[in-house]
């Protein structure tokens, strides 16, 4: 199996998904906001598919690359988490919430929720469930790559885990969730992330068969699922949100279409930012969002049109600028390190 070239289209789509995630958390009003925000929820699935696809190895001896990614992404997650710990403490001090913050830190349920539900709300980084799910997926991906004989048992679990994901998410939308069954329950890595990482890995295993799929049929399927997804995002079926039923095939069909892209430079600028910067958009956008929301809550009363349209736009722009800055700095440091290593030889 030849090593796969970097897919520029897939990297470029990460920018779109990162914008969608920010727009899902700081949503524009009306159907427009629902549709733009839905790109984030669909993009999360695509990111898990990418993780599993890129983890596939031609031989068991190559499985070490998965552990290297685990170490690298663990460091990125730890740094981001510490930033939000400092942010949460500063925010509590500035809004006279230090006592409440301390009470939460001394409550054992806070830590149980972190462990069982990946609920990090206390540190203002509830979105870290996704990063933790990515990290928890790596040991399973390593296991199936290092010991291929167990691969099929994990693949057999994909439909069951996806069904659990859909059932949990629809139940959350239909009922008033109790304290221990809020939206975090649908993000538990076992069904919130693992089945899609396994599905991406399965696609890599059968990449040659996927190449034979008809592009036009794939495109038609994607548009049909996307239309149903956007419709159900904006128009709930009673009290139940069934959009998850169409979100998953929309993400999968888009991923399959992106895999077939063979261009080299058409999306290069967006691909560069998607590859190096999209993760920083995701990790740090709440720093701006929570800060602006706090300003409106405690110090300045925003007009409704500002809250609806300006705040989401400002959060998005600042998040993109910060991510681009971090990506350029990290890229510069990496090049300097490579230069120094070459010079020492």
C-alpha atoms as a PDB file:
ATOM      1  CA  UNK A   1       0.000   0.000   0.000  1.00  0.00           C
ATOM      2  CA  UNK A   2       1.509   3.310  -1.107  1.00  0.00           C
ATOM      3  CA  UNK A   3       1.535   6.165   1.394  1.00  0.00           C
ATOM      4  CA  UNK A   4      -1.427   8.475   0.865  1.00  0.00           C
ATOM      5  CA  UNK A   5      -0.789  12.042  -0.236  1.00  0.00           C
ATOM      6  CA  UNK A   6      -2.220  14.864   1.804  1.00  0.00           C
ATOM      7  CA  UNK A   7      -5.776  15.615   0.659  1.00  0.00           C
ATOM      8  CA  UNK A   8      -6.046  19.392   0.122  1.00  0.00           C
ATOM      9  CA  UNK A   9      -9.827  19.378  -0.172  1.00  0.00           C
ATOM     10  CA  UNK A  10     -10.258  17.511   3.097  1.00  0.00           C
ATOM     11  CA  UNK A  11      -7.902  19.937   4.842  1.00  0.00           C
ATOM     12  CA  UNK A  12      -9.749  22.911   3.313  1.00  0.00           C
ATOM     13  CA  UNK A  13     -13.072  21.557   4.563  1.00  0.00           C
ATOM     14  CA  UNK A  14     -11.676  21.709   8.095  1.00  0.00           C
ATOM     15  CA  UNK A  15     -11.836  25.510   7.853  1.00  0.00           C
ATOM     16  CA  UNK A  16     -15.527  25.303   6.959  1.00  0.00           C
ATOM     17  CA  UNK A  17     -16.159  22.906   9.838  1.00  0.00           C
ATOM     18  CA  UNK A  18     -14.241  25.090  12.294  1.00  0.00           C
ATOM     19  CA  UNK A  19     -16.408  28.058  11.280  1.00  0.00           C
ATOM     20  CA  UNK A  20     -19.441  25.814  11.726  1.00  0.00           C
ATOM     21  CA  UNK A  21     -18.384  24.853  15.259  1.00  0.00           C
ATOM     22  CA  UNK A  22     -18.015  28.498  16.311  1.00  0.00           C
ATOM     23  CA  UNK A  23     -21.368  29.294  14.684  1.00  0.00           C
ATOM     24  CA  UNK A  24     -22.996  26.392  16.524  1.00  0.00           C
ATOM     25  CA  UNK A  25     -21.814  27.716  19.884  1.00  0.00           C
ATOM     26  CA  UNK A  26     -22.503  31.392  19.045  1.00  0.00           C
ATOM     27  CA  UNK A  27     -25.399  31.031  16.706  1.00  0.00           C
ATOM     28  CA  UNK A  28     -26.889  33.529  14.304  1.00  0.00           C
ATOM     29  CA  UNK A  29     -30.696  33.757  14.570  1.00  0.00           C
ATOM     30  CA  UNK A  30     -33.222  31.895  12.445  1.00  0.00           C
ATOM     31  CA  UNK A  31     -32.775  29.115   9.893  1.00  0.00           C
ATOM     32  CA  UNK A  32     -29.544  30.721   8.679  1.00  0.00           C
ATOM     33  CA  UNK A  33     -28.006  30.210  12.115  1.00  0.00           C
ATOM     34  CA  UNK A  34     -29.321  26.642  12.286  1.00  0.00           C
ATOM     35  CA  UNK A  35     -27.813  25.760   8.925  1.00  0.00           C
ATOM     36  CA  UNK A  36     -24.407  27.381   9.529  1.00  0.00           C
ATOM     37  CA  UNK A  37     -24.196  25.854  12.998  1.00  0.00           C
ATOM     38  CA  UNK A  38     -25.103  22.427  11.640  1.00  0.00           C
ATOM     39  CA  UNK A  39     -21.846  22.430   9.664  1.00  0.00           C
ATOM     40  CA  UNK A  40     -20.033  22.259  12.989  1.00  0.00           C
ATOM     41  CA  UNK A  41     -21.960  19.240  14.259  1.00  0.00           C
ATOM     42  CA  UNK A  42     -21.469  17.485  10.921  1.00  0.00           C
ATOM     43  CA  UNK A  43     -17.809  18.474  10.873  1.00  0.00           C
ATOM     44  CA  UNK A  44     -17.168  16.838  14.245  1.00  0.00           C
ATOM     45  CA  UNK A  45     -18.150  13.498  12.691  1.00  0.00           C
ATOM     46  CA  UNK A  46     -15.862  14.147   9.712  1.00  0.00           C
ATOM     47  CA  UNK A  47     -12.943  14.869  12.070  1.00  0.00           C
ATOM     48  CA  UNK A  48     -13.450  11.491  13.735  1.00  0.00           C
ATOM     49  CA  UNK A  49     -13.598   9.826  10.305  1.00  0.00           C
ATOM     50  CA  UNK A  50     -10.314  11.524   9.394  1.00  0.00           C
ATOM     51  CA  UNK A  51      -8.732  10.302  12.622  1.00  0.00           C
ATOM     52  CA  UNK A  52      -9.600   6.678  11.893  1.00  0.00           C
ATOM     53  CA  UNK A  53      -8.724   6.914   8.205  1.00  0.00           C
ATOM     54  CA  UNK A  54      -5.285   8.416   8.833  1.00  0.00           C
ATOM     55  CA  UNK A  55      -4.557   5.859  11.571  1.00  0.00           C
ATOM     56  CA  UNK A  56      -4.725   2.933   9.141  1.00  0.00           C
ATOM     57  CA  UNK A  57      -1.372   1.189   8.730  1.00  0.00           C
ATOM     58  CA  UNK A  58      -0.054  -0.956   5.906  1.00  0.00           C
ATOM     59  CA  UNK A  59       1.571  -3.261   8.474  1.00  0.00           C
ATOM     60  CA  UNK A  60       1.426  -3.758  12.272  1.00  0.00           C
ATOM     61  CA  UNK A  61       4.956  -2.386  12.598  1.00  0.00           C
ATOM     62  CA  UNK A  62       3.700   1.077  11.565  1.00  0.00           C
ATOM     63  CA  UNK A  63       1.248   1.300  14.474  1.00  0.00           C
ATOM     64  CA  UNK A  64       3.737   3.357  16.464  1.00  0.00           C
ATOM     65  CA  UNK A  65       2.649   6.455  14.529  1.00  0.00           C
ATOM     66  CA  UNK A  66      -0.665   6.317  16.404  1.00  0.00           C
ATOM     67  CA  UNK A  67       1.106   6.566  19.750  1.00  0.00           C
ATOM     68  CA  UNK A  68       3.161   9.493  18.482  1.00  0.00           C
ATOM     69  CA  UNK A  69      -0.029  11.313  17.532  1.00  0.00           C
ATOM     70  CA  UNK A  70      -1.470  10.480  20.942  1.00  0.00           C
ATOM     71  CA  UNK A  71       1.507  12.092  22.686  1.00  0.00           C
ATOM     72  CA  UNK A  72       1.427  15.177  20.460  1.00  0.00           C
ATOM     73  CA  UNK A  73      -2.313  15.726  20.801  1.00  0.00           C
ATOM     74  CA  UNK A  74      -2.206  15.035  24.538  1.00  0.00           C
ATOM     75  CA  UNK A  75       0.249  17.915  24.922  1.00  0.00           C
ATOM     76  CA  UNK A  76      -1.932  20.216  22.809  1.00  0.00           C
ATOM     77  CA  UNK A  77      -4.982  19.297  24.888  1.00  0.00           C
ATOM     78  CA  UNK A  78      -3.152  19.764  28.184  1.00  0.00           C
ATOM     79  CA  UNK A  79      -1.908  23.228  27.202  1.00  0.00           C
ATOM     80  CA  UNK A  80      -5.398  24.250  26.108  1.00  0.00           C
ATOM     81  CA  UNK A  81      -6.927  22.892  29.309  1.00  0.00           C
ATOM     82  CA  UNK A  82      -4.486  24.848  31.491  1.00  0.00           C
ATOM     83  CA  UNK A  83      -5.294  28.017  29.533  1.00  0.00           C
ATOM     84  CA  UNK A  84      -8.985  27.542  30.300  1.00  0.00           C
ATOM     85  CA  UNK A  85      -8.324  26.794  33.965  1.00  0.00           C
ATOM     86  CA  UNK A  86      -6.599  30.170  34.235  1.00  0.00           C
ATOM     87  CA  UNK A  87      -9.395  31.785  32.212  1.00  0.00           C
ATOM     88  CA  UNK A  88     -12.121  30.275  34.416  1.00  0.00           C
ATOM     89  CA  UNK A  89     -10.374  31.453  37.571  1.00  0.00           C
ATOM     90  CA  UNK A  90      -9.912  34.973  36.152  1.00  0.00           C
ATOM     91  CA  UNK A  91     -13.509  35.103  34.968  1.00  0.00           C
ATOM     92  CA  UNK A  92     -14.785  34.024  38.391  1.00  0.00           C
ATOM     93  CA  UNK A  93     -12.698  36.707  40.097  1.00  0.00           C
ATOM     94  CA  UNK A  94     -13.847  39.479  37.747  1.00  0.00           C
ATOM     95  CA  UNK A  95     -17.540  38.550  38.077  1.00  0.00           C
ATOM     96  CA  UNK A  96     -17.482  37.962  41.862  1.00  0.00           C
ATOM     97  CA  UNK A  97     -18.124  34.229  41.409  1.00  0.00           C
ATOM     98  CA  UNK A  98     -15.076  32.907  43.253  1.00  0.00           C
ATOM     99  CA  UNK A  99     -17.137  31.364  46.062  1.00  0.00           C
ATOM    100  CA  UNK A 100     -19.342  29.459  43.603  1.00  0.00           C
ATOM    101  CA  UNK A 101     -16.277  28.415  41.643  1.00  0.00           C
ATOM    102  CA  UNK A 102     -14.599  27.083  44.802  1.00  0.00           C
ATOM    103  CA  UNK A 103     -17.784  25.228  45.800  1.00  0.00           C
ATOM    104  CA  UNK A 104     -17.829  23.433  42.457  1.00  0.00           C
ATOM    105  CA  UNK A 105     -14.183  22.464  42.824  1.00  0.00           C
ATOM    106  CA  UNK A 106     -14.850  20.905  46.242  1.00  0.00           C
ATOM    107  CA  UNK A 107     -17.901  18.974  45.025  1.00  0.00           C
ATOM    108  CA  UNK A 108     -17.082  15.363  44.145  1.00  0.00           C
ATOM    109  CA  UNK A 109     -19.847  15.326  41.497  1.00  0.00           C
ATOM    110  CA  UNK A 110     -17.847  17.819  39.453  1.00  0.00           C
ATOM    111  CA  UNK A 111     -15.063  15.277  39.032  1.00  0.00           C
ATOM    112  CA  UNK A 112     -17.440  12.363  38.483  1.00  0.00           C
ATOM    113  CA  UNK A 113     -18.988  14.286  35.597  1.00  0.00           C
ATOM    114  CA  UNK A 114     -15.562  14.954  34.147  1.00  0.00           C
ATOM    115  CA  UNK A 115     -14.698  11.264  34.282  1.00  0.00           C
ATOM    116  CA  UNK A 116     -18.033   9.766  33.227  1.00  0.00           C
ATOM    117  CA  UNK A 117     -19.514  12.431  30.940  1.00  0.00           C
ATOM    118  CA  UNK A 118     -16.428  14.418  29.891  1.00  0.00           C
ATOM    119  CA  UNK A 119     -18.207  17.460  31.326  1.00  0.00           C
ATOM    120  CA  UNK A 120     -15.655  20.265  31.788  1.00  0.00           C
ATOM    121  CA  UNK A 121     -18.123  23.118  32.180  1.00  0.00           C
ATOM    122  CA  UNK A 122     -16.615  24.109  35.515  1.00  0.00           C
ATOM    123  CA  UNK A 123     -13.467  25.219  33.681  1.00  0.00           C
ATOM    124  CA  UNK A 124     -15.430  26.868  30.849  1.00  0.00           C
ATOM    125  CA  UNK A 125     -14.216  24.310  28.328  1.00  0.00           C
ATOM    126  CA  UNK A 126     -17.197  22.027  27.772  1.00  0.00           C
ATOM    127  CA  UNK A 127     -16.055  21.644  24.149  1.00  0.00           C
ATOM    128  CA  UNK A 128     -13.020  19.675  25.316  1.00  0.00           C
ATOM    129  CA  UNK A 129     -15.168  16.542  25.254  1.00  0.00           C
ATOM    130  CA  UNK A 130     -14.203  16.317  21.576  1.00  0.00           C
ATOM    131  CA  UNK A 131     -10.464  16.531  22.258  1.00  0.00           C
ATOM    132  CA  UNK A 132     -10.690  13.953  25.045  1.00  0.00           C
ATOM    133  CA  UNK A 133     -12.716  11.655  22.783  1.00  0.00           C
ATOM    134  CA  UNK A 134      -9.992  11.918  20.140  1.00  0.00           C
ATOM    135  CA  UNK A 135      -7.369  10.923  22.715  1.00  0.00           C
ATOM    136  CA  UNK A 136      -9.434   8.005  24.005  1.00  0.00           C
ATOM    137  CA  UNK A 137      -9.933   6.718  20.463  1.00  0.00           C
ATOM    138  CA  UNK A 138      -6.193   6.347  19.853  1.00  0.00           C
ATOM    139  CA  UNK A 139      -5.627   3.279  22.100  1.00  0.00           C
ATOM    140  CA  UNK A 140      -8.430   1.421  20.283  1.00  0.00           C
ATOM    141  CA  UNK A 141      -7.022   2.392  16.890  1.00  0.00           C
ATOM    142  CA  UNK A 142      -3.570   1.290  18.014  1.00  0.00           C
ATOM    143  CA  UNK A 143      -4.968  -2.042  19.164  1.00  0.00           C
ATOM    144  CA  UNK A 144      -6.622  -2.883  15.847  1.00  0.00           C
ATOM    145  CA  UNK A 145      -3.561  -1.779  13.872  1.00  0.00           C
ATOM    146  CA  UNK A 146      -1.053  -3.576  16.067  1.00  0.00           C
ATOM    147  CA  UNK A 147      -3.160  -6.731  16.305  1.00  0.00           C
ATOM    148  CA  UNK A 148      -5.171  -6.943  13.050  1.00  0.00           C
ATOM    149  CA  UNK A 149      -6.941 -10.161  14.079  1.00  0.00           C
ATOM    150  CA  UNK A 150      -9.126  -8.216  16.507  1.00  0.00           C
ATOM    151  CA  UNK A 151     -10.058  -5.636  13.877  1.00  0.00           C
ATOM    152  CA  UNK A 152     -13.292  -7.292  12.751  1.00  0.00           C
ATOM    153  CA  UNK A 153     -14.746  -7.356  16.272  1.00  0.00           C
ATOM    154  CA  UNK A 154     -14.435  -3.598  16.517  1.00  0.00           C
ATOM    155  CA  UNK A 155     -15.916  -3.164  13.056  1.00  0.00           C
ATOM    156  CA  UNK A 156     -18.918  -5.276  14.030  1.00  0.00           C
ATOM    157  CA  UNK A 157     -19.607  -2.863  16.892  1.00  0.00           C
ATOM    158  CA  UNK A 158     -19.926   0.182  14.615  1.00  0.00           C
ATOM    159  CA  UNK A 159     -23.689  -0.126  13.824  1.00  0.00           C
ATOM    160  CA  UNK A 160     -24.566  -0.739  17.478  1.00  0.00           C
ATOM    161  CA  UNK A 161     -22.561   2.237  18.730  1.00  0.00           C
ATOM    162  CA  UNK A 162     -23.983   4.527  16.033  1.00  0.00           C
ATOM    163  CA  UNK A 163     -27.510   3.408  16.982  1.00  0.00           C
ATOM    164  CA  UNK A 164     -26.798   4.245  20.626  1.00  0.00           C
ATOM    165  CA  UNK A 165     -25.494   7.670  19.579  1.00  0.00           C
ATOM    166  CA  UNK A 166     -28.700   8.424  17.646  1.00  0.00           C
ATOM    167  CA  UNK A 167     -30.978   7.124  20.397  1.00  0.00           C
ATOM    168  CA  UNK A 168     -29.245   9.128  23.119  1.00  0.00           C
ATOM    169  CA  UNK A 169     -29.270  12.344  21.111  1.00  0.00           C
ATOM    170  CA  UNK A 170     -32.935  12.030  20.148  1.00  0.00           C
ATOM    171  CA  UNK A 171     -33.899  11.239  23.733  1.00  0.00           C
ATOM    172  CA  UNK A 172     -32.091  14.350  24.928  1.00  0.00           C
ATOM    173  CA  UNK A 173     -34.071  16.480  22.485  1.00  0.00           C
ATOM    174  CA  UNK A 174     -37.418  14.889  23.402  1.00  0.00           C
ATOM    175  CA  UNK A 175     -37.142  14.996  27.177  1.00  0.00           C
ATOM    176  CA  UNK A 176     -36.086  17.516  29.770  1.00  0.00           C
ATOM    177  CA  UNK A 177     -32.746  15.919  30.612  1.00  0.00           C
ATOM    178  CA  UNK A 178     -31.923  15.389  34.271  1.00  0.00           C
ATOM    179  CA  UNK A 179     -28.709  16.685  35.741  1.00  0.00           C
ATOM    180  CA  UNK A 180     -26.819  13.515  34.827  1.00  0.00           C
ATOM    181  CA  UNK A 181     -28.240  13.115  31.330  1.00  0.00           C
ATOM    182  CA  UNK A 182     -27.739  16.410  29.556  1.00  0.00           C
ATOM    183  CA  UNK A 183     -26.153  16.972  26.136  1.00  0.00           C
ATOM    184  CA  UNK A 184     -22.813  15.633  27.373  1.00  0.00           C
ATOM    185  CA  UNK A 185     -24.256  12.114  27.330  1.00  0.00           C
ATOM    186  CA  UNK A 186     -24.345  12.037  23.531  1.00  0.00           C
ATOM    187  CA  UNK A 187     -20.653  12.973  23.415  1.00  0.00           C
ATOM    188  CA  UNK A 188     -19.341  10.076  25.493  1.00  0.00           C
ATOM    189  CA  UNK A 189     -16.461   8.810  23.386  1.00  0.00           C
ATOM    190  CA  UNK A 190     -17.678   5.201  23.281  1.00  0.00           C
ATOM    191  CA  UNK A 191     -20.533   6.173  20.964  1.00  0.00           C
ATOM    192  CA  UNK A 192     -19.876   9.882  20.397  1.00  0.00           C
ATOM    193  CA  UNK A 193     -16.523   9.437  18.675  1.00  0.00           C
ATOM    194  CA  UNK A 194     -15.245   5.856  18.573  1.00  0.00           C
ATOM    195  CA  UNK A 195     -17.714   4.407  16.004  1.00  0.00           C
ATOM    196  CA  UNK A 196     -16.850   7.140  13.497  1.00  0.00           C
ATOM    197  CA  UNK A 197     -13.115   6.702  14.013  1.00  0.00           C
ATOM    198  CA  UNK A 198     -13.589   2.966  13.448  1.00  0.00           C
ATOM    199  CA  UNK A 199     -15.678   3.669  10.352  1.00  0.00           C
ATOM    200  CA  UNK A 200     -12.936   5.902   8.965  1.00  0.00           C
ATOM    201  CA  UNK A 201     -10.434   3.127   9.620  1.00  0.00           C
ATOM    202  CA  UNK A 202     -12.701   0.656   7.824  1.00  0.00           C
ATOM    203  CA  UNK A 203     -12.866   2.993   4.809  1.00  0.00           C
ATOM    204  CA  UNK A 204      -9.064   3.098   4.684  1.00  0.00           C
ATOM    205  CA  UNK A 205      -8.930  -0.700   4.750  1.00  0.00           C
ATOM    206  CA  UNK A 206     -11.248  -0.906   1.738  1.00  0.00           C
ATOM    207  CA  UNK A 207      -9.937   2.198  -0.025  1.00  0.00           C
ATOM    208  CA  UNK A 208      -9.487   0.392  -3.350  1.00  0.00           C
ATOM    209  CA  UNK A 209     -13.152  -0.666  -3.384  1.00  0.00           C
ATOM    210  CA  UNK A 210     -14.265   2.838  -2.443  1.00  0.00           C
ATOM    211  CA  UNK A 211     -12.362   4.122  -5.498  1.00  0.00           C
ATOM    212  CA  UNK A 212     -14.829   2.218  -7.670  1.00  0.00           C
ATOM    213  CA  UNK A 213     -17.880   4.061  -6.298  1.00  0.00           C
ATOM    214  CA  UNK A 214     -19.596   6.349  -8.775  1.00  0.00           C
ATOM    215  CA  UNK A 215     -18.836   9.988  -7.975  1.00  0.00           C
ATOM    216  CA  UNK A 216     -22.154  11.282  -9.296  1.00  0.00           C
ATOM    217  CA  UNK A 217     -24.143   8.830  -7.206  1.00  0.00           C
ATOM    218  CA  UNK A 218     -22.109   9.849  -4.165  1.00  0.00           C
ATOM    219  CA  UNK A 219     -22.773  13.508  -4.897  1.00  0.00           C
ATOM    220  CA  UNK A 220     -26.490  12.861  -5.311  1.00  0.00           C
ATOM    221  CA  UNK A 221     -26.587  10.956  -2.032  1.00  0.00           C
ATOM    222  CA  UNK A 222     -24.722  13.727  -0.238  1.00  0.00           C
ATOM    223  CA  UNK A 223     -27.066  16.440  -1.512  1.00  0.00           C
ATOM    224  CA  UNK A 224     -30.135  14.379  -0.602  1.00  0.00           C
ATOM    225  CA  UNK A 225     -28.903  13.665   2.928  1.00  0.00           C
ATOM    226  CA  UNK A 226     -27.710  17.262   3.375  1.00  0.00           C
ATOM    227  CA  UNK A 227     -31.106  18.608   2.311  1.00  0.00           C
ATOM    228  CA  UNK A 228     -32.868  16.314   4.781  1.00  0.00           C
ATOM    229  CA  UNK A 229     -30.365  17.250   7.475  1.00  0.00           C
ATOM    230  CA  UNK A 230     -30.833  20.993   7.026  1.00  0.00           C
ATOM    231  CA  UNK A 231     -34.611  20.599   6.846  1.00  0.00           C
ATOM    232  CA  UNK A 232     -34.790  18.637  10.090  1.00  0.00           C
ATOM    233  CA  UNK A 233     -32.385  21.089  11.760  1.00  0.00           C
ATOM    234  CA  UNK A 234     -34.825  23.916  11.111  1.00  0.00           C
ATOM    235  CA  UNK A 235     -38.120  22.017  11.441  1.00  0.00           C
ATOM    236  CA  UNK A 236     -38.292  19.628  14.379  1.00  0.00           C
ATOM    237  CA  UNK A 237     -40.518  16.562  14.043  1.00  0.00           C
ATOM    238  CA  UNK A 238     -42.718  17.366  17.033  1.00  0.00           C
ATOM    239  CA  UNK A 239     -40.419  17.689  20.017  1.00  0.00           C
ATOM    240  CA  UNK A 240     -37.819  15.231  18.728  1.00  0.00           C
ATOM    241  CA  UNK A 241     -34.717  16.353  16.860  1.00  0.00           C
ATOM    242  CA  UNK A 242     -34.208  13.653  14.221  1.00  0.00           C
ATOM    243  CA  UNK A 243     -31.495  15.545  12.340  1.00  0.00           C
ATOM    244  CA  UNK A 244     -28.869  13.120  13.709  1.00  0.00           C
ATOM    245  CA  UNK A 245     -30.376  10.456  11.414  1.00  0.00           C
ATOM    246  CA  UNK A 246     -29.352  12.505   8.371  1.00  0.00           C
ATOM    247  CA  UNK A 247     -26.279  14.206   9.845  1.00  0.00           C
ATOM    248  CA  UNK A 248     -24.273  10.982   9.964  1.00  0.00           C
ATOM    249  CA  UNK A 249     -24.822   9.904   6.309  1.00  0.00           C
ATOM    250  CA  UNK A 250     -24.278  13.532   5.216  1.00  0.00           C
ATOM    251  CA  UNK A 251     -20.875  13.551   6.923  1.00  0.00           C
ATOM    252  CA  UNK A 252     -19.950  10.098   5.601  1.00  0.00           C
ATOM    253  CA  UNK A 253     -20.928  10.847   2.001  1.00  0.00           C
ATOM    254  CA  UNK A 254     -19.073  14.187   2.093  1.00  0.00           C
ATOM    255  CA  UNK A 255     -16.008  12.418   3.462  1.00  0.00           C
ATOM    256  CA  UNK A 256     -16.156   9.839   0.661  1.00  0.00           C
ATOM    257  CA  UNK A 257     -16.448  12.607  -1.929  1.00  0.00           C
ATOM    258  CA  UNK A 258     -13.455  14.435  -0.458  1.00  0.00           C
ATOM    259  CA  UNK A 259     -11.379  11.256  -0.586  1.00  0.00           C
ATOM    260  CA  UNK A 260     -11.814  11.171  -4.343  1.00  0.00           C
ATOM    261  CA  UNK A 261     -10.305  14.623  -4.862  1.00  0.00           C
ATOM    262  CA  UNK A 262      -7.075  14.510  -6.863  1.00  0.00           C
ATOM    263  CA  UNK A 263      -6.227  18.215  -7.216  1.00  0.00           C
ATOM    264  CA  UNK A 264      -2.881  19.560  -6.085  1.00  0.00           C
ATOM    265  CA  UNK A 265      -3.096  23.315  -5.510  1.00  0.00           C
ATOM    266  CA  UNK A 266      -6.610  24.666  -6.005  1.00  0.00           C
ATOM    267  CA  UNK A 267      -7.397  24.696  -2.260  1.00  0.00           C
ATOM    268  CA  UNK A 268      -3.806  25.099  -1.052  1.00  0.00           C
ATOM    269  CA  UNK A 269      -4.170  28.329   1.056  1.00  0.00           C
ATOM    270  CA  UNK A 270      -7.314  27.033   2.784  1.00  0.00           C
ATOM    271  CA  UNK A 271      -5.770  23.584   3.088  1.00  0.00           C
ATOM    272  CA  UNK A 272      -2.756  25.020   4.914  1.00  0.00           C
ATOM    273  CA  UNK A 273      -4.952  26.801   7.430  1.00  0.00           C
ATOM    274  CA  UNK A 274      -7.220  23.778   7.803  1.00  0.00           C
ATOM    275  CA  UNK A 275      -4.263  21.505   8.465  1.00  0.00           C
ATOM    276  CA  UNK A 276      -2.456  23.725  10.964  1.00  0.00           C
ATOM    277  CA  UNK A 277      -5.014  26.198  12.289  1.00  0.00           C
ATOM    278  CA  UNK A 278      -8.482  24.633  12.477  1.00  0.00           C
ATOM    279  CA  UNK A 279      -7.721  22.884  15.763  1.00  0.00           C
ATOM    280  CA  UNK A 280      -6.842  26.220  17.386  1.00  0.00           C
ATOM    281  CA  UNK A 281     -10.114  27.742  16.196  1.00  0.00           C
ATOM    282  CA  UNK A 282     -11.890  24.918  17.991  1.00  0.00           C
ATOM    283  CA  UNK A 283      -9.793  24.966  21.154  1.00  0.00           C
ATOM    284  CA  UNK A 284      -9.723  28.700  21.886  1.00  0.00           C
ATOM    285  CA  UNK A 285     -12.876  30.285  20.444  1.00  0.00           C
ATOM    286  CA  UNK A 286     -14.680  30.217  23.804  1.00  0.00           C
ATOM    287  CA  UNK A 287     -12.072  32.587  25.246  1.00  0.00           C
ATOM    288  CA  UNK A 288     -13.570  35.329  23.082  1.00  0.00           C
ATOM    289  CA  UNK A 289     -17.148  34.107  23.266  1.00  0.00           C
ATOM    290  CA  UNK A 290     -17.412  33.845  27.038  1.00  0.00           C
ATOM    291  CA  UNK A 291     -15.584  37.155  27.488  1.00  0.00           C
ATOM    292  CA  UNK A 292     -17.989  39.041  25.210  1.00  0.00           C
ATOM    293  CA  UNK A 293     -21.014  37.359  26.783  1.00  0.00           C
ATOM    294  CA  UNK A 294     -19.769  38.310  30.263  1.00  0.00           C
ATOM    295  CA  UNK A 295     -19.299  41.920  29.180  1.00  0.00           C
ATOM    296  CA  UNK A 296     -22.904  41.997  28.001  1.00  0.00           C
ATOM    297  CA  UNK A 297     -24.166  40.295  31.145  1.00  0.00           C
ATOM    298  CA  UNK A 298     -22.288  42.233  33.802  1.00  0.00           C
ATOM    299  CA  UNK A 299     -21.188  45.580  32.354  1.00  0.00           C
ATOM    300  CA  UNK A 300     -22.780  46.588  29.037  1.00  0.00           C
ATOM    301  CA  UNK A 301     -26.278  45.674  27.914  1.00  0.00           C
ATOM    302  CA  UNK A 302     -26.042  44.825  24.213  1.00  0.00           C
ATOM    303  CA  UNK A 303     -28.929  45.672  21.881  1.00  0.00           C
ATOM    304  CA  UNK A 304     -30.579  42.528  20.542  1.00  0.00           C
ATOM    305  CA  UNK A 305     -29.200  42.995  17.033  1.00  0.00           C
ATOM    306  CA  UNK A 306     -25.691  43.152  18.492  1.00  0.00           C
ATOM    307  CA  UNK A 307     -26.193  39.942  20.477  1.00  0.00           C
ATOM    308  CA  UNK A 308     -27.766  38.191  17.494  1.00  0.00           C
ATOM    309  CA  UNK A 309     -25.418  39.221  14.697  1.00  0.00           C
ATOM    310  CA  UNK A 310     -22.359  41.172  15.834  1.00  0.00           C
ATOM    311  CA  UNK A 311     -21.191  39.035  18.761  1.00  0.00           C
ATOM    312  CA  UNK A 312     -21.134  35.749  16.767  1.00  0.00           C
ATOM    313  CA  UNK A 313     -19.323  37.504  13.913  1.00  0.00           C
ATOM    314  CA  UNK A 314     -16.729  39.073  16.231  1.00  0.00           C
ATOM    315  CA  UNK A 315     -16.120  35.747  18.016  1.00  0.00           C
ATOM    316  CA  UNK A 316     -15.625  34.044  14.661  1.00  0.00           C
ATOM    317  CA  UNK A 317     -13.232  36.681  13.299  1.00  0.00           C
ATOM    318  CA  UNK A 318     -11.131  36.849  16.475  1.00  0.00           C
ATOM    319  CA  UNK A 319     -10.966  33.049  16.663  1.00  0.00           C
ATOM    320  CA  UNK A 320      -9.725  32.803  13.080  1.00  0.00           C
ATOM    321  CA  UNK A 321      -7.126  35.528  13.638  1.00  0.00           C
ATOM    322  CA  UNK A 322      -5.818  33.898  16.824  1.00  0.00           C
ATOM    323  CA  UNK A 323      -5.699  30.465  15.174  1.00  0.00           C
ATOM    324  CA  UNK A 324      -3.845  31.828  12.146  1.00  0.00           C
ATOM    325  CA  UNK A 325      -1.335  33.568  14.434  1.00  0.00           C
ATOM    326  CA  UNK A 326      -0.695  30.441  16.490  1.00  0.00           C
ATOM    327  CA  UNK A 327      -0.397  28.308  13.344  1.00  0.00           C
ATOM    328  CA  UNK A 328       2.169  30.647  11.809  1.00  0.00           C
ATOM    329  CA  UNK A 329       4.207  30.795  15.016  1.00  0.00           C
ATOM    330  CA  UNK A 330       4.183  27.016  15.410  1.00  0.00           C
ATOM    331  CA  UNK A 331       5.087  26.558  11.756  1.00  0.00           C
ATOM    332  CA  UNK A 332       7.981  29.020  12.099  1.00  0.00           C
ATOM    333  CA  UNK A 333       9.270  27.261  15.228  1.00  0.00           C
ATOM    334  CA  UNK A 334       9.037  23.899  13.469  1.00  0.00           C
ATOM    335  CA  UNK A 335      11.011  25.162  10.462  1.00  0.00           C
ATOM    336  CA  UNK A 336      13.655  26.708  12.717  1.00  0.00           C
ATOM    337  CA  UNK A 337      14.008  23.422  14.580  1.00  0.00           C
ATOM    338  CA  UNK A 338      14.388  21.535  11.307  1.00  0.00           C
ATOM    339  CA  UNK A 339      17.002  24.056  10.170  1.00  0.00           C
ATOM    340  CA  UNK A 340      18.988  23.677  13.383  1.00  0.00           C
ATOM    341  CA  UNK A 341      18.819  19.870  13.153  1.00  0.00           C
ATOM    342  CA  UNK A 342      20.077  19.999   9.563  1.00  0.00           C
ATOM    343  CA  UNK A 343      22.835  22.426  10.476  1.00  0.00           C
ATOM    344  CA  UNK A 344      24.016  20.189  13.334  1.00  0.00           C
ATOM    345  CA  UNK A 345      24.447  17.317  10.867  1.00  0.00           C
END
